[in-house]
Protein backbone atom coordinates (compact mmCIF):
# COMPACT_ATOMS: atom_id res chain seq x y z
CA MET A 1 -23.87 16.59 -24.39
CA ARG A 2 -24.08 17.64 -28.04
CA GLN A 3 -21.26 20.12 -27.47
CA ILE A 4 -19.01 17.37 -26.11
CA ALA A 5 -19.81 15.13 -29.09
CA ALA A 6 -19.05 18.01 -31.46
CA SER A 7 -15.73 18.65 -29.70
CA VAL A 8 -14.73 15.01 -30.03
CA LEU A 9 -15.68 15.03 -33.71
CA VAL A 10 -13.64 18.17 -34.38
CA ALA A 11 -10.63 16.79 -32.50
CA ALA A 12 -10.80 13.50 -34.37
CA SER A 13 -11.07 15.18 -37.75
CA LEU A 14 -8.18 17.53 -36.98
CA GLY A 15 -6.11 14.59 -35.85
CA GLY A 16 -6.44 13.04 -39.29
CA CYS A 17 -5.40 16.23 -41.08
CA THR A 18 -2.37 17.28 -39.10
CA GLN A 19 0.96 15.88 -37.99
CA ASP A 20 0.43 17.23 -34.47
CA PRO A 21 2.40 14.83 -32.25
CA GLY A 22 -0.33 15.02 -29.62
CA PHE A 23 -2.56 13.15 -32.04
CA ALA A 24 0.02 11.16 -34.00
CA GLY A 25 2.44 10.09 -31.26
CA ALA A 26 6.23 10.20 -31.30
CA ALA A 27 8.29 7.79 -33.36
CA GLY A 28 11.57 6.69 -31.83
CA VAL A 29 10.65 7.47 -28.21
CA ARG A 30 9.59 4.72 -25.84
CA GLU A 31 8.09 4.69 -22.38
CA ALA A 32 10.00 2.90 -19.61
CA THR A 33 9.97 2.45 -15.85
CA ALA A 34 12.46 4.11 -13.52
CA ALA A 35 14.19 0.74 -13.00
CA GLU A 36 14.88 0.45 -16.75
CA VAL A 37 16.84 3.69 -17.13
CA GLY A 38 19.64 3.19 -14.62
CA ALA A 39 22.33 3.18 -17.32
CA CYS A 40 20.78 6.01 -19.35
CA ARG A 41 21.77 9.68 -19.54
CA TYR A 42 19.33 12.26 -18.12
CA VAL A 43 18.08 14.77 -20.73
CA SER A 44 15.30 16.82 -19.10
CA ASP A 45 12.15 17.01 -17.00
CA ILE A 46 8.95 17.77 -18.92
CA ARG A 47 5.58 18.84 -17.48
CA MET A 48 2.28 19.42 -19.21
CA LYS A 49 -1.31 19.99 -18.16
CA PRO A 50 -4.00 18.12 -20.10
CA GLY A 51 -6.07 20.55 -22.15
CA VAL A 52 -9.44 19.03 -21.29
CA TYR A 53 -11.12 17.44 -18.28
CA GLY A 54 -14.42 15.76 -17.48
CA ALA A 55 -15.84 13.59 -20.23
CA LEU A 56 -12.76 14.20 -22.43
CA ALA A 57 -10.17 13.63 -19.68
CA ASP A 58 -8.79 10.40 -21.15
CA GLN A 59 -8.23 12.05 -24.55
CA GLY A 60 -6.58 15.03 -22.85
CA VAL A 61 -4.16 12.80 -20.93
CA LYS A 62 -3.34 10.78 -24.07
CA TYR A 63 -2.69 13.98 -26.05
CA ALA A 64 -0.45 15.36 -23.27
CA ARG A 65 1.52 12.09 -23.01
CA ASN A 66 2.08 11.99 -26.77
CA THR A 67 3.18 15.64 -26.75
CA ILE A 68 5.61 15.02 -23.89
CA MET A 69 7.12 12.09 -25.76
CA ALA A 70 7.50 14.19 -28.92
CA ASP A 71 9.10 17.04 -26.95
CA ALA A 72 11.51 14.55 -25.38
CA GLY A 73 12.49 13.25 -28.80
CA GLU A 74 13.09 16.77 -30.09
CA GLY A 75 15.37 17.33 -27.09
CA GLY A 76 17.52 14.29 -27.93
CA ALA A 77 15.87 11.71 -25.68
CA ASN A 78 14.65 8.29 -26.78
CA THR A 79 13.09 7.12 -23.49
CA VAL A 80 10.55 8.70 -21.15
CA VAL A 81 9.60 7.77 -17.59
CA PHE A 82 6.21 9.16 -16.50
CA ASP A 83 5.32 9.69 -12.85
CA PRO A 84 2.86 7.00 -11.74
CA VAL A 85 -0.82 7.93 -11.65
CA SER A 86 -3.35 6.20 -9.40
CA PRO A 87 -6.09 4.51 -11.43
CA GLY A 88 -9.31 6.52 -11.42
CA SER A 89 -7.70 9.74 -10.19
CA THR A 90 -8.03 13.00 -12.08
CA VAL A 91 -4.77 14.06 -13.74
CA TYR A 92 -4.15 17.80 -13.51
CA GLU A 93 -0.52 17.70 -14.61
CA LEU A 94 1.73 15.07 -16.17
CA HIS A 95 5.42 14.92 -15.30
CA ALA A 96 8.02 12.84 -17.11
CA VAL A 97 11.78 12.52 -17.11
CA ALA A 98 13.45 12.13 -20.51
CA TYR A 99 16.57 10.01 -20.99
CA ARG A 100 18.93 9.00 -23.79
CA CYS A 101 19.57 5.24 -23.60
């Protein structure tokens, strides 16, 4: 348990010192539903596996989502649609489709 607490502390302190989009998020990119992007132009599909599981799973998913949104923005997209995830299920890979709206 001490190792997990130390990992969280290190991740939090690194997040304050770096502009890593996984920690900071992506400005100018929004999340939408599939129904909201009907008039938008497809840019790309993006996949990413969370880096951590277990007790840190939520932080790993958040980091991966932020990174996907930043990657989408760098590719010219401003909107991302993530595949739905069932509440309580373990996420082994995130998939999103990036659009320019």
